[in-house]
Amino acid sequence: MKTLILLRHAKSSWEYAVADRNRPLKEKGIRRIQAMASVSREVFGSIPHFYSSPGNRALHTATILLHELNLPLEQLQIKEALYTFDKQALLDFIQALPNDQNEVCLVGHNPALTMVAAKLSNNFTQHLPTAAWVKIIFVQQKWSSIADGTSSWGLPQQLLVK
């Protein structure tokens, strides 16, 4: 059995003249991921493997999440392959995960996250907004063969943080 959590980075700022991968989080984004971590503690708390895009907004989201959950930063790996907006590139990354890792969280970007969630889940039809997550549970034992997972999700609209 495999569990995959896809977490979209929190709200980023367009205020600075920086390259896309260097865009920082907005204050609102920081507050939302802190709140999401708090209300989703049971979802993320037992995940031993976190992978993040090196994009500033994704990496900052991942480190805030781990900090809020009191999880060690050693559980986080930064992977260049996750700085993608392409569904197939993200699927290739997931299917190549080590099979001894049964529970994994990826922090990354849309539209890839939404498209992969829809493809791998038999019940995910949402658009994944910033600071939202989808958890997909698969019966398969190998990442290379995952399909038709059952999903649940946490959306920032459920939070009272503005």
C-alpha atoms as a PDB file:
ATOM      1  CA  MET A   1       0.000   0.000   0.000  1.00  0.00           C
ATOM      2  CA  LYS A   2       1.262   3.482  -0.893  1.00  0.00           C
ATOM      3  CA  THR A   3       0.203   6.926   0.352  1.00  0.00           C
ATOM      4  CA  LEU A   4       0.953  10.057  -1.639  1.00  0.00           C
ATOM      5  CA  ILE A   5       0.261  13.600  -0.478  1.00  0.00           C
ATOM      6  CA  LEU A   6       0.512  16.376  -3.028  1.00  0.00           C
ATOM      7  CA  LEU A   7       0.790  19.805  -1.403  1.00  0.00           C
ATOM      8  CA  ARG A   8       0.623  22.922  -3.520  1.00  0.00           C
ATOM      9  CA  HIS A   9       2.852  25.748  -2.353  1.00  0.00           C
ATOM     10  CA  ALA A  10       1.238  28.598  -0.422  1.00  0.00           C
ATOM     11  CA  LYS A  11       0.291  31.934  -2.016  1.00  0.00           C
ATOM     12  CA  SER A  12       3.306  33.610  -3.568  1.00  0.00           C
ATOM     13  CA  SER A  13       4.094  37.238  -4.245  1.00  0.00           C
ATOM     14  CA  TRP A  14       4.469  38.894  -7.636  1.00  0.00           C
ATOM     15  CA  GLU A  15       5.714  42.046  -5.893  1.00  0.00           C
ATOM     16  CA  TYR A  16       9.393  41.498  -6.652  1.00  0.00           C
ATOM     17  CA  ALA A  17      11.180  41.515  -9.994  1.00  0.00           C
ATOM     18  CA  VAL A  18      12.681  38.054  -9.604  1.00  0.00           C
ATOM     19  CA  ALA A  19      12.744  34.901 -11.707  1.00  0.00           C
ATOM     20  CA  ASP A  20       9.740  32.595 -11.256  1.00  0.00           C
ATOM     21  CA  ARG A  21      11.644  30.050  -9.181  1.00  0.00           C
ATOM     22  CA  ASN A  22      12.710  32.812  -6.766  1.00  0.00           C
ATOM     23  CA  ARG A  23       9.268  34.225  -6.015  1.00  0.00           C
ATOM     24  CA  PRO A  24       8.692  34.390  -2.232  1.00  0.00           C
ATOM     25  CA  LEU A  25       5.546  33.662  -0.262  1.00  0.00           C
ATOM     26  CA  LYS A  26       3.126  36.428   0.620  1.00  0.00           C
ATOM     27  CA  GLU A  27       2.411  37.000   4.306  1.00  0.00           C
ATOM     28  CA  LYS A  28      -1.068  35.610   3.656  1.00  0.00           C
ATOM     29  CA  GLY A  29       0.527  32.477   2.203  1.00  0.00           C
ATOM     30  CA  ILE A  30       2.696  32.016   5.275  1.00  0.00           C
ATOM     31  CA  ARG A  31      -0.330  32.331   7.582  1.00  0.00           C
ATOM     32  CA  ARG A  32      -2.340  29.872   5.477  1.00  0.00           C
ATOM     33  CA  ILE A  33       0.289  27.151   5.439  1.00  0.00           C
ATOM     34  CA  GLN A  34       0.747  27.568   9.195  1.00  0.00           C
ATOM     35  CA  ALA A  35      -3.010  27.188   9.660  1.00  0.00           C
ATOM     36  CA  MET A  36      -3.175  24.279   7.208  1.00  0.00           C
ATOM     37  CA  ALA A  37      -0.408  22.510   9.118  1.00  0.00           C
ATOM     38  CA  SER A  38      -2.314  23.012  12.353  1.00  0.00           C
ATOM     39  CA  VAL A  39      -5.626  21.617  11.092  1.00  0.00           C
ATOM     40  CA  SER A  40      -3.953  18.847   9.069  1.00  0.00           C
ATOM     41  CA  ARG A  41      -1.566  17.606  11.748  1.00  0.00           C
ATOM     42  CA  GLU A  42      -2.932  14.046  11.544  1.00  0.00           C
ATOM     43  CA  VAL A  43      -2.483  14.008   7.754  1.00  0.00           C
ATOM     44  CA  PHE A  44       1.163  15.089   7.686  1.00  0.00           C
ATOM     45  CA  GLY A  45       2.418  14.102  11.143  1.00  0.00           C
ATOM     46  CA  SER A  46       3.204  10.479  10.318  1.00  0.00           C
ATOM     47  CA  ILE A  47       4.715  11.065   6.854  1.00  0.00           C
ATOM     48  CA  PRO A  48       8.415  10.143   6.962  1.00  0.00           C
ATOM     49  CA  HIS A  49       9.435  11.397   3.504  1.00  0.00           C
ATOM     50  CA  PHE A  50       8.963  14.933   2.185  1.00  0.00           C
ATOM     51  CA  TYR A  51      10.198  16.119  -1.193  1.00  0.00           C
ATOM     52  CA  SER A  52      10.080  19.715  -2.374  1.00  0.00           C
ATOM     53  CA  SER A  53      10.654  21.658  -5.522  1.00  0.00           C
ATOM     54  CA  PRO A  54      13.632  24.014  -5.173  1.00  0.00           C
ATOM     55  CA  GLY A  55      11.334  26.888  -6.137  1.00  0.00           C
ATOM     56  CA  ASN A  56      11.453  29.387  -3.260  1.00  0.00           C
ATOM     57  CA  ARG A  57       7.686  29.368  -2.680  1.00  0.00           C
ATOM     58  CA  ALA A  58       7.512  25.552  -2.555  1.00  0.00           C
ATOM     59  CA  LEU A  59      10.611  25.133  -0.417  1.00  0.00           C
ATOM     60  CA  HIS A  60       9.439  27.813   2.012  1.00  0.00           C
ATOM     61  CA  THR A  61       6.023  26.100   2.208  1.00  0.00           C
ATOM     62  CA  ALA A  62       7.687  22.760   2.980  1.00  0.00           C
ATOM     63  CA  THR A  63       9.954  24.159   5.697  1.00  0.00           C
ATOM     64  CA  ILE A  64       7.075  26.036   7.359  1.00  0.00           C
ATOM     65  CA  LEU A  65       4.992  22.848   7.326  1.00  0.00           C
ATOM     66  CA  LEU A  66       7.758  20.793   8.940  1.00  0.00           C
ATOM     67  CA  HIS A  67       8.444  23.526  11.496  1.00  0.00           C
ATOM     68  CA  GLU A  68       4.759  23.797  12.471  1.00  0.00           C
ATOM     69  CA  LEU A  69       4.553  20.011  12.851  1.00  0.00           C
ATOM     70  CA  ASN A  70       7.820  19.842  14.855  1.00  0.00           C
ATOM     71  CA  LEU A  71       9.272  17.447  12.280  1.00  0.00           C
ATOM     72  CA  PRO A  72      13.019  17.388  11.586  1.00  0.00           C
ATOM     73  CA  LEU A  73      14.221  19.090   8.409  1.00  0.00           C
ATOM     74  CA  GLU A  74      16.183  15.907   7.683  1.00  0.00           C
ATOM     75  CA  GLN A  75      12.894  14.419   6.466  1.00  0.00           C
ATOM     76  CA  LEU A  76      12.923  16.903   3.571  1.00  0.00           C
ATOM     77  CA  GLN A  77      14.730  16.387   0.282  1.00  0.00           C
ATOM     78  CA  ILE A  78      14.927  19.085  -2.371  1.00  0.00           C
ATOM     79  CA  LYS A  79      14.535  17.708  -5.897  1.00  0.00           C
ATOM     80  CA  GLU A  80      15.081  19.738  -9.052  1.00  0.00           C
ATOM     81  CA  ALA A  81      12.666  17.451 -10.920  1.00  0.00           C
ATOM     82  CA  LEU A  82       9.802  18.824  -8.790  1.00  0.00           C
ATOM     83  CA  TYR A  83      10.243  22.318 -10.211  1.00  0.00           C
ATOM     84  CA  THR A  84       7.824  21.414 -12.972  1.00  0.00           C
ATOM     85  CA  PHE A  85       4.408  22.375 -14.218  1.00  0.00           C
ATOM     86  CA  ASP A  86       4.221  19.299 -16.447  1.00  0.00           C
ATOM     87  CA  LYS A  87       1.996  16.349 -15.532  1.00  0.00           C
ATOM     88  CA  GLN A  88       4.186  13.690 -17.161  1.00  0.00           C
ATOM     89  CA  ALA A  89       7.384  14.940 -15.516  1.00  0.00           C
ATOM     90  CA  LEU A  90       5.693  14.774 -12.115  1.00  0.00           C
ATOM     91  CA  LEU A  91       4.286  11.303 -12.825  1.00  0.00           C
ATOM     92  CA  ASP A  92       7.758  10.123 -13.848  1.00  0.00           C
ATOM     93  CA  PHE A  93       9.161  11.397 -10.537  1.00  0.00           C
ATOM     94  CA  ILE A  94       6.440   9.641  -8.513  1.00  0.00           C
ATOM     95  CA  GLN A  95       6.762   6.360 -10.388  1.00  0.00           C
ATOM     96  CA  ALA A  96      10.518   6.358  -9.737  1.00  0.00           C
ATOM     97  CA  LEU A  97      10.185   6.780  -5.953  1.00  0.00           C
ATOM     98  CA  PRO A  98      11.897   4.053  -3.899  1.00  0.00           C
ATOM     99  CA  ASN A  99       9.447   1.267  -3.114  1.00  0.00           C
ATOM    100  CA  ASP A 100      10.613   1.114   0.502  1.00  0.00           C
ATOM    101  CA  GLN A 101       9.031   4.565   0.969  1.00  0.00           C
ATOM    102  CA  ASN A 102       5.357   3.860   1.553  1.00  0.00           C
ATOM    103  CA  GLU A 103       4.249   7.346   2.639  1.00  0.00           C
ATOM    104  CA  VAL A 104       5.479  10.398   0.756  1.00  0.00           C
ATOM    105  CA  CYS A 105       4.572  14.086   0.532  1.00  0.00           C
ATOM    106  CA  LEU A 106       5.532  16.169  -2.511  1.00  0.00           C
ATOM    107  CA  VAL A 107       5.458  19.979  -2.368  1.00  0.00           C
ATOM    108  CA  GLY A 108       5.216  21.576  -5.763  1.00  0.00           C
ATOM    109  CA  HIS A 109       3.350  23.508  -8.397  1.00  0.00           C
ATOM    110  CA  ASN A 110       0.200  23.605 -10.495  1.00  0.00           C
ATOM    111  CA  PRO A 111      -1.029  22.669 -13.007  1.00  0.00           C
ATOM    112  CA  ALA A 112       1.031  19.480 -12.596  1.00  0.00           C
ATOM    113  CA  LEU A 113      -0.241  18.695  -9.076  1.00  0.00           C
ATOM    114  CA  THR A 114      -3.931  19.020  -9.974  1.00  0.00           C
ATOM    115  CA  MET A 115      -3.525  17.025 -13.173  1.00  0.00           C
ATOM    116  CA  VAL A 116      -1.613  14.208 -11.466  1.00  0.00           C
ATOM    117  CA  ALA A 117      -4.133  14.054  -8.603  1.00  0.00           C
ATOM    118  CA  ALA A 118      -6.971  13.733 -11.118  1.00  0.00           C
ATOM    119  CA  LYS A 119      -5.130  11.050 -13.080  1.00  0.00           C
ATOM    120  CA  LEU A 120      -4.093   8.915 -10.097  1.00  0.00           C
ATOM    121  CA  SER A 121      -7.284   9.206  -8.060  1.00  0.00           C
ATOM    122  CA  ASN A 122     -10.663   7.690  -8.767  1.00  0.00           C
ATOM    123  CA  ASN A 123     -12.483  10.531  -6.969  1.00  0.00           C
ATOM    124  CA  PHE A 124     -10.462  13.778  -7.157  1.00  0.00           C
ATOM    125  CA  THR A 125     -12.169  16.420  -9.287  1.00  0.00           C
ATOM    126  CA  GLN A 126     -11.053  19.592  -7.506  1.00  0.00           C
ATOM    127  CA  HIS A 127      -8.686  22.326  -8.623  1.00  0.00           C
ATOM    128  CA  LEU A 128      -5.845  22.342  -6.090  1.00  0.00           C
ATOM    129  CA  PRO A 129      -5.537  25.925  -4.811  1.00  0.00           C
ATOM    130  CA  THR A 130      -2.483  27.303  -3.032  1.00  0.00           C
ATOM    131  CA  ALA A 131      -1.771  25.770   0.408  1.00  0.00           C
ATOM    132  CA  ALA A 132      -4.128  22.874  -0.369  1.00  0.00           C
ATOM    133  CA  TRP A 133      -3.317  19.177  -0.309  1.00  0.00           C
ATOM    134  CA  VAL A 134      -4.670  15.952  -1.706  1.00  0.00           C
ATOM    135  CA  LYS A 135      -3.912  12.615  -0.066  1.00  0.00           C
ATOM    136  CA  ILE A 136      -4.178   9.574  -2.317  1.00  0.00           C
ATOM    137  CA  ILE A 137      -4.059   6.017  -0.990  1.00  0.00           C
ATOM    138  CA  PHE A 138      -3.203   3.200  -3.375  1.00  0.00           C
ATOM    139  CA  VAL A 139      -3.524  -0.566  -2.930  1.00  0.00           C
ATOM    140  CA  GLN A 140      -0.522  -1.199  -5.177  1.00  0.00           C
ATOM    141  CA  GLN A 141       2.842  -2.058  -3.632  1.00  0.00           C
ATOM    142  CA  LYS A 142       5.069  -0.387  -6.245  1.00  0.00           C
ATOM    143  CA  TRP A 143       5.157   3.303  -7.150  1.00  0.00           C
ATOM    144  CA  SER A 144       5.593   2.348 -10.793  1.00  0.00           C
ATOM    145  CA  SER A 145       2.170   0.697 -10.839  1.00  0.00           C
ATOM    146  CA  ILE A 146       0.013   3.061  -8.754  1.00  0.00           C
ATOM    147  CA  ALA A 147      -3.445   3.801 -10.156  1.00  0.00           C
ATOM    148  CA  ASP A 148      -7.054   4.366  -9.119  1.00  0.00           C
ATOM    149  CA  GLY A 149      -6.211   5.673  -5.669  1.00  0.00           C
ATOM    150  CA  THR A 150      -8.779   6.979  -3.230  1.00  0.00           C
ATOM    151  CA  SER A 151      -8.314  10.608  -2.312  1.00  0.00           C
ATOM    152  CA  SER A 152      -9.196  13.035   0.431  1.00  0.00           C
ATOM    153  CA  TRP A 153      -8.207  16.669   0.499  1.00  0.00           C
ATOM    154  CA  GLY A 154      -7.758  19.771   2.589  1.00  0.00           C
ATOM    155  CA  LEU A 155      -8.603  23.125   1.038  1.00  0.00           C
ATOM    156  CA  PRO A 156      -7.633  26.557   2.412  1.00  0.00           C
ATOM    157  CA  GLN A 157     -11.222  27.774   2.009  1.00  0.00           C
ATOM    158  CA  GLN A 158     -11.901  25.635   5.063  1.00  0.00           C
ATOM    159  CA  LEU A 159      -9.629  27.905   7.079  1.00  0.00           C
ATOM    160  CA  LEU A 160     -10.583  31.212   8.618  1.00  0.00           C
ATOM    161  CA  VAL A 161      -7.184  32.696   7.764  1.00  0.00           C
ATOM    162  CA  LYS A 162      -7.398  35.610   5.322  1.00  0.00           C
END
